[in-house]
C-alpha cells in the first residue's frame, strides 16, 4: 500500500483512508495479553498415561499431564507463581492448577482447582478431579451450588460488577467467602483446559479480568505429523499446547523458561512421577 502523503502543516499529516477507519474502530491498546504455542512430541506422554491407566485404574488424560507439567514449570519459574494486587507482587503459598472441564453429562463447562499439583502423582490428580466433577454434576458441591445460584439470579450488568468485586475480595484481599460459594484464590496459580477432546488441534482463549492468574493453557489433540528427527523425516504423535499470558506477570523470558520446563517434563513424565512417589 502506498503511504498517504497528504500533510497538514509541518507537524504531521492528515489522517484519511484506512487509518481513519481504524481510528474510528479502535482506541489505544490496553489489553496486556500475549500468546504462544509449543509443539511437543507426545510419544512419552501417551505411553505414560496408558501405563498409569493400567497400573492405577485412574482415567489419566493429556490434560492432567499438561497440568502437571505446568505445575512443574511454575516451580522452575517461581516469579510466575505469584499474585499481583495494589501494584505489589506476593508469592503464592502453593502451586494450584484450575482445570476447566465438562460436567459428567457433558452439557456445560465448569472448573475445579486442584491444590499442590506439583507434589501429587498424576493418578491422584486425575482421581481427585474426576470425583470433584462428579460432585458438581450431581449438585453435591455446596460451594459451586451457592455461587451458581447467585450468578443465575443476578442481571447481567450486576453480574459483571459482582464478578469483579468477588475477584477483588478473594484474590486481591485474599479472603475466603465460602458461605457465598467463593473460595480464596479460586483460580489457583494457572488454568488448563482441553480443546483436543473436540478434535481441535490448536486454539487460543482469552484471560478474563477476574481470573487473576498469569496464564491460561489449552491442550490440543494429538495428531500424527511428519517431523525432522536427527536429519530424517519421520511421523510422530505431536501435541500443540497454546498459552495466553498476562503481560503484567510475564515477559518473553518467563514464557521461554516455562516452555523449556514444560517440554522437559513432557519428554520424560514417568521420571518426575516416580521421583515424587519414592
Protein backbone atom coordinates (compact mmCIF):
# COMPACT_ATOMS: atom_id res chain seq x y z
CA UNK A 1 0.00 0.00 0.00
CA UNK A 2 1.33 3.43 -0.92
CA UNK A 3 1.54 5.60 2.22
CA UNK A 4 -0.70 8.61 2.45
CA UNK A 5 1.39 11.74 1.75
CA UNK A 6 -1.18 14.42 2.42
CA UNK A 7 0.43 16.55 5.15
CA UNK A 8 -1.18 19.10 7.40
CA UNK A 9 1.40 21.84 8.10
CA UNK A 10 4.90 20.80 9.16
CA UNK A 11 3.97 18.82 12.29
CA UNK A 12 2.10 15.89 10.80
CA UNK A 13 -0.16 14.72 8.06
CA UNK A 14 -3.87 14.47 7.61
CA UNK A 15 -5.39 11.15 8.61
CA UNK A 16 -7.56 9.53 5.97
CA UNK A 17 -8.25 6.23 4.23
CA UNK A 18 -7.72 3.03 6.21
CA UNK A 19 -6.01 4.90 9.07
CA UNK A 20 -9.13 6.99 9.62
CA UNK A 21 -11.32 3.89 9.56
CA UNK A 22 -9.02 2.12 12.02
CA UNK A 23 -9.02 5.14 14.31
CA UNK A 24 -12.81 5.16 14.35
CA UNK A 25 -12.92 1.43 15.11
CA UNK A 26 -10.42 1.08 17.97
CA UNK A 27 -8.87 3.05 20.78
CA UNK A 28 -5.28 2.77 22.07
CA UNK A 29 -4.25 -0.79 23.02
CA UNK A 30 -4.83 -1.60 26.68
CA UNK A 31 -5.01 -5.40 26.70
CA UNK A 32 -1.87 -6.88 28.33
CA UNK A 33 -2.30 -10.38 26.88
CA UNK A 34 0.21 -12.11 24.63
CA UNK A 35 0.16 -15.59 23.15
CA UNK A 36 2.48 -18.51 22.48
CA UNK A 37 2.42 -22.10 21.37
CA UNK A 38 4.58 -25.14 21.98
CA UNK A 39 4.91 -28.17 19.71
CA UNK A 40 5.59 -31.31 21.76
CA UNK A 41 6.40 -34.87 20.72
CA UNK A 42 3.67 -36.66 22.66
CA UNK A 43 5.14 -40.16 22.41
CA UNK A 44 6.34 -40.26 26.03
CA UNK A 45 3.12 -38.67 27.31
CA UNK A 46 0.85 -41.16 25.51
CA UNK A 47 2.92 -44.14 26.67
CA UNK A 48 2.95 -42.90 30.27
CA UNK A 49 -0.79 -42.23 30.50
CA UNK A 50 -1.50 -45.72 29.14
CA UNK A 51 0.82 -47.21 31.78
CA UNK A 52 -0.81 -45.19 34.54
CA UNK A 53 -4.32 -46.20 33.49
CA UNK A 54 -3.30 -49.86 33.57
CA UNK A 55 -1.38 -49.56 36.86
CA UNK A 56 -3.78 -47.40 38.90
CA UNK A 57 -7.14 -47.60 37.16
CA UNK A 58 -7.30 -43.78 37.15
CA UNK A 59 -8.52 -42.12 33.98
CA UNK A 60 -5.35 -40.14 33.32
CA UNK A 61 -5.56 -37.83 30.30
CA UNK A 62 -3.24 -35.49 28.46
CA UNK A 63 -4.92 -32.57 30.22
CA UNK A 64 -3.84 -33.96 33.60
CA UNK A 65 -0.31 -34.45 32.32
CA UNK A 66 -0.09 -30.94 30.88
CA UNK A 67 -1.47 -29.57 34.15
CA UNK A 68 1.26 -31.47 35.97
CA UNK A 69 3.87 -30.19 33.50
CA UNK A 70 2.62 -26.64 34.04
CA UNK A 71 2.90 -27.03 37.81
CA UNK A 72 6.46 -28.25 37.38
CA UNK A 73 7.15 -25.25 35.16
CA UNK A 74 5.85 -22.88 37.85
CA UNK A 75 8.24 -24.41 40.38
CA UNK A 76 11.07 -23.76 37.91
CA UNK A 77 9.89 -20.19 37.30
CA UNK A 78 8.62 -19.10 40.74
CA UNK A 79 8.37 -15.49 39.54
CA UNK A 80 5.16 -16.60 37.78
CA UNK A 81 3.65 -18.33 40.80
CA UNK A 82 2.53 -15.03 42.31
CA UNK A 83 -0.48 -12.78 42.68
CA UNK A 84 -0.45 -9.06 41.94
CA UNK A 85 -2.52 -6.64 43.96
CA UNK A 86 -2.21 -2.91 44.58
CA UNK A 87 0.96 -2.81 42.46
CA UNK A 88 2.68 -5.31 44.73
CA UNK A 89 3.71 -8.90 43.99
CA UNK A 90 3.02 -11.63 46.54
CA UNK A 91 4.30 -15.24 46.23
CA UNK A 92 1.62 -17.90 46.31
CA UNK A 93 1.65 -20.43 49.13
CA UNK A 94 1.33 -23.45 46.83
CA UNK A 95 1.15 -24.46 43.17
CA UNK A 96 -2.55 -24.95 42.42
CA UNK A 97 -3.95 -25.59 38.94
CA UNK A 98 -7.52 -24.75 37.89
CA UNK A 99 -8.80 -27.31 35.38
CA UNK A 100 -11.67 -26.18 33.12
CA UNK A 101 -13.65 -29.34 32.38
CA UNK A 102 -17.03 -30.56 31.16
CA UNK A 103 -19.55 -31.79 33.72
CA UNK A 104 -20.30 -35.51 33.82
CA UNK A 105 -23.26 -35.15 31.45
CA UNK A 106 -21.11 -33.01 29.13
CA UNK A 107 -23.74 -30.29 28.85
CA UNK A 108 -21.70 -27.42 30.29
CA UNK A 109 -18.21 -26.37 31.25
CA UNK A 110 -17.16 -25.87 34.83
CA UNK A 111 -13.90 -25.77 36.70
CA UNK A 112 -12.07 -27.32 39.63
CA UNK A 113 -8.98 -26.07 41.45
CA UNK A 114 -6.60 -28.85 42.46
CA UNK A 115 -4.13 -27.88 45.18
CA UNK A 116 -0.43 -28.77 45.33
CA UNK A 117 -0.35 -30.23 41.83
CA UNK A 118 3.45 -30.12 41.79
CA UNK A 119 3.60 -32.51 44.77
CA UNK A 120 0.97 -35.05 43.69
CA UNK A 121 1.29 -38.12 41.43
CA UNK A 122 -0.71 -37.59 38.27
CA UNK A 123 -3.01 -40.54 39.05
CA UNK A 124 -4.07 -38.82 42.29
CA UNK A 125 -4.72 -35.60 40.40
CA UNK A 126 -6.90 -37.44 37.89
CA UNK A 127 -8.85 -39.26 40.63
CA UNK A 128 -9.45 -36.05 42.59
CA UNK A 129 -10.57 -34.17 39.51
CA UNK A 130 -12.95 -36.94 38.43
CA UNK A 131 -14.51 -37.11 41.89
CA UNK A 132 -14.94 -33.34 42.09
CA UNK A 133 -16.52 -33.16 38.62
CA UNK A 134 -19.00 -35.92 39.54
CA UNK A 135 -19.85 -33.95 42.68
CA UNK A 136 -20.51 -30.85 40.58
CA UNK A 137 -22.66 -32.77 38.12
CA UNK A 138 -24.89 -34.22 40.85
CA UNK A 139 -25.20 -30.94 42.75
CA UNK A 140 -23.41 -32.23 45.87
CA UNK A 141 -20.78 -29.50 45.72
CA UNK A 142 -22.30 -26.90 48.04
CA UNK A 143 -19.83 -24.12 47.22
CA UNK A 144 -20.48 -24.44 43.50
CA UNK A 145 -24.22 -24.66 44.08
CA UNK A 146 -24.26 -21.43 46.07
CA UNK A 147 -22.19 -19.47 43.56
CA UNK A 148 -24.14 -20.83 40.57
CA UNK A 149 -27.48 -19.98 42.18
CA UNK A 150 -26.27 -16.48 42.99
CA UNK A 151 -25.00 -15.87 39.44
CA UNK A 152 -28.24 -17.16 37.94
CA UNK A 153 -30.31 -14.64 39.87
CA UNK A 154 -28.21 -11.58 39.05
CA UNK A 155 -28.95 -9.45 35.95
CA UNK A 156 -26.05 -9.13 33.51
CA UNK A 157 -24.84 -5.61 34.48
CA UNK A 158 -24.89 -6.53 38.18
CA UNK A 159 -23.21 -9.87 37.47
CA UNK A 160 -20.39 -8.10 35.65
CA UNK A 161 -19.75 -5.91 38.67
CA UNK A 162 -20.21 -8.83 41.04
CA UNK A 163 -17.51 -10.88 39.33
CA UNK A 164 -15.02 -8.06 39.67
CA UNK A 165 -15.90 -7.47 43.32
CA UNK A 166 -15.60 -11.19 44.05
CA UNK A 167 -12.19 -11.31 42.36
CA UNK A 168 -11.05 -8.28 44.33
CA UNK A 169 -12.18 -9.83 47.62
CA UNK A 170 -10.98 -13.41 47.09
CA UNK A 171 -7.79 -12.70 45.15
CA UNK A 172 -6.60 -9.15 45.86
CA UNK A 173 -7.70 -9.17 49.51
CA UNK A 174 -7.12 -12.93 49.87
CA UNK A 175 -10.46 -13.51 51.64
CA UNK A 176 -12.29 -16.84 51.82
CA UNK A 177 -16.01 -16.26 51.15
CA UNK A 178 -17.08 -19.91 51.28
CA UNK A 179 -20.55 -19.01 52.55
CA UNK A 180 -21.17 -17.28 49.23
CA UNK A 181 -19.56 -20.09 47.26
CA UNK A 182 -16.41 -18.08 46.54
CA UNK A 183 -13.19 -19.63 47.78
CA UNK A 184 -9.93 -17.78 48.36
CA UNK A 185 -7.70 -17.67 45.25
CA UNK A 186 -10.42 -19.52 43.32
CA UNK A 187 -8.45 -19.95 40.07
CA UNK A 188 -5.15 -21.01 41.62
CA UNK A 189 -1.75 -20.37 40.09
CA UNK A 190 -2.73 -21.02 36.46
CA UNK A 191 -5.50 -22.56 34.35
CA UNK A 192 -5.64 -25.52 31.97
CA UNK A 193 -8.33 -26.78 29.62
CA UNK A 194 -8.59 -29.10 26.63
CA UNK A 195 -9.80 -28.46 23.12
CA UNK A 196 -8.35 -31.76 21.96
CA UNK A 197 -11.39 -33.62 23.32
CA UNK A 198 -13.35 -31.96 20.49
CA UNK A 199 -10.73 -32.88 17.91
CA UNK A 200 -9.25 -29.36 17.76
CA UNK A 201 -5.52 -29.32 17.27
CA UNK A 202 -4.80 -25.68 18.14
CA UNK A 203 -6.79 -22.87 19.75
CA UNK A 204 -6.36 -19.81 21.96
CA UNK A 205 -8.55 -18.42 24.73
CA UNK A 206 -8.69 -15.01 26.42
CA UNK A 207 -7.97 -14.31 30.07
CA UNK A 208 -10.98 -12.87 31.86
CA UNK A 209 -10.24 -9.93 34.22
CA UNK A 210 -11.48 -11.85 37.27
CA UNK A 211 -9.19 -14.89 36.79
CA UNK A 212 -6.20 -13.12 38.37
CA UNK A 213 -3.73 -15.70 37.02
CA UNK A 214 -0.63 -15.25 34.82
CA UNK A 215 -1.63 -17.71 32.11
CA UNK A 216 -4.28 -19.97 30.61
CA UNK A 217 -3.14 -23.12 28.75
CA UNK A 218 -5.10 -25.00 26.07
CA UNK A 219 -4.31 -28.63 25.26
CA UNK A 220 -4.88 -29.65 21.65
CA UNK A 221 -5.48 -33.04 20.07
CA UNK A 222 -2.58 -35.40 19.40
CA UNK A 223 -2.13 -35.95 15.67
CA UNK A 224 0.42 -37.87 13.63
CA UNK A 225 2.61 -35.41 11.73
CA UNK A 226 5.87 -35.55 9.76
CA UNK A 227 8.74 -34.02 11.73
CA UNK A 228 12.51 -33.87 11.37
CA UNK A 229 14.38 -36.15 13.79
CA UNK A 230 18.19 -36.20 13.53
CA UNK A 231 18.03 -35.05 9.94
CA UNK A 232 15.33 -37.50 8.81
CA UNK A 233 11.60 -37.04 8.23
CA UNK A 234 9.57 -39.35 10.47
CA UNK A 235 5.93 -39.47 11.57
CA UNK A 236 5.43 -38.75 15.26
CA UNK A 237 2.41 -38.15 17.53
CA UNK A 238 2.54 -34.37 18.02
CA UNK A 239 0.72 -32.20 20.54
CA UNK A 240 0.22 -28.43 20.32
CA UNK A 241 -0.08 -26.61 23.63
CA UNK A 242 -1.02 -22.93 23.47
CA UNK A 243 -0.93 -20.32 26.21
CA UNK A 244 -2.37 -16.88 26.83
CA UNK A 245 -0.16 -14.82 29.16
CA UNK A 246 -0.91 -11.72 31.20
CA UNK A 247 1.98 -9.36 30.38
CA UNK A 248 1.72 -7.82 33.84
CA UNK A 249 3.03 -11.10 35.25
CA UNK A 250 5.17 -12.48 32.45
CA UNK A 251 7.53 -11.38 29.72
CA UNK A 252 9.29 -13.32 26.98
CA UNK A 253 12.00 -14.56 29.34
CA UNK A 254 9.48 -16.05 31.77
CA UNK A 255 7.50 -17.65 28.93
CA UNK A 256 10.63 -19.17 27.41
CA UNK A 257 11.82 -20.65 30.71
CA UNK A 258 8.36 -22.01 31.43
CA UNK A 259 8.17 -23.59 27.96
CA UNK A 260 11.56 -25.28 28.48
CA UNK A 261 10.41 -26.74 31.81
CA UNK A 262 7.12 -27.98 30.31
CA UNK A 263 8.99 -29.56 27.42
CA UNK A 264 11.38 -31.22 29.88
CA UNK A 265 8.52 -32.76 31.85
CA UNK A 266 6.73 -33.94 28.70
CA UNK A 267 9.85 -35.68 27.43
CA UNK A 268 10.02 -37.97 30.50
CA UNK A 269 6.87 -37.73 32.66
CA UNK A 270 7.46 -41.11 34.30
CA UNK A 271 10.74 -39.91 35.82
CA UNK A 272 9.05 -36.97 37.56
CA UNK A 273 6.14 -39.05 38.84
CA UNK A 274 8.36 -41.84 40.16
CA UNK A 275 10.59 -39.36 41.97
CA UNK A 276 7.59 -37.98 43.86
CA UNK A 277 6.36 -41.45 44.89
CA UNK A 278 9.70 -42.52 46.45
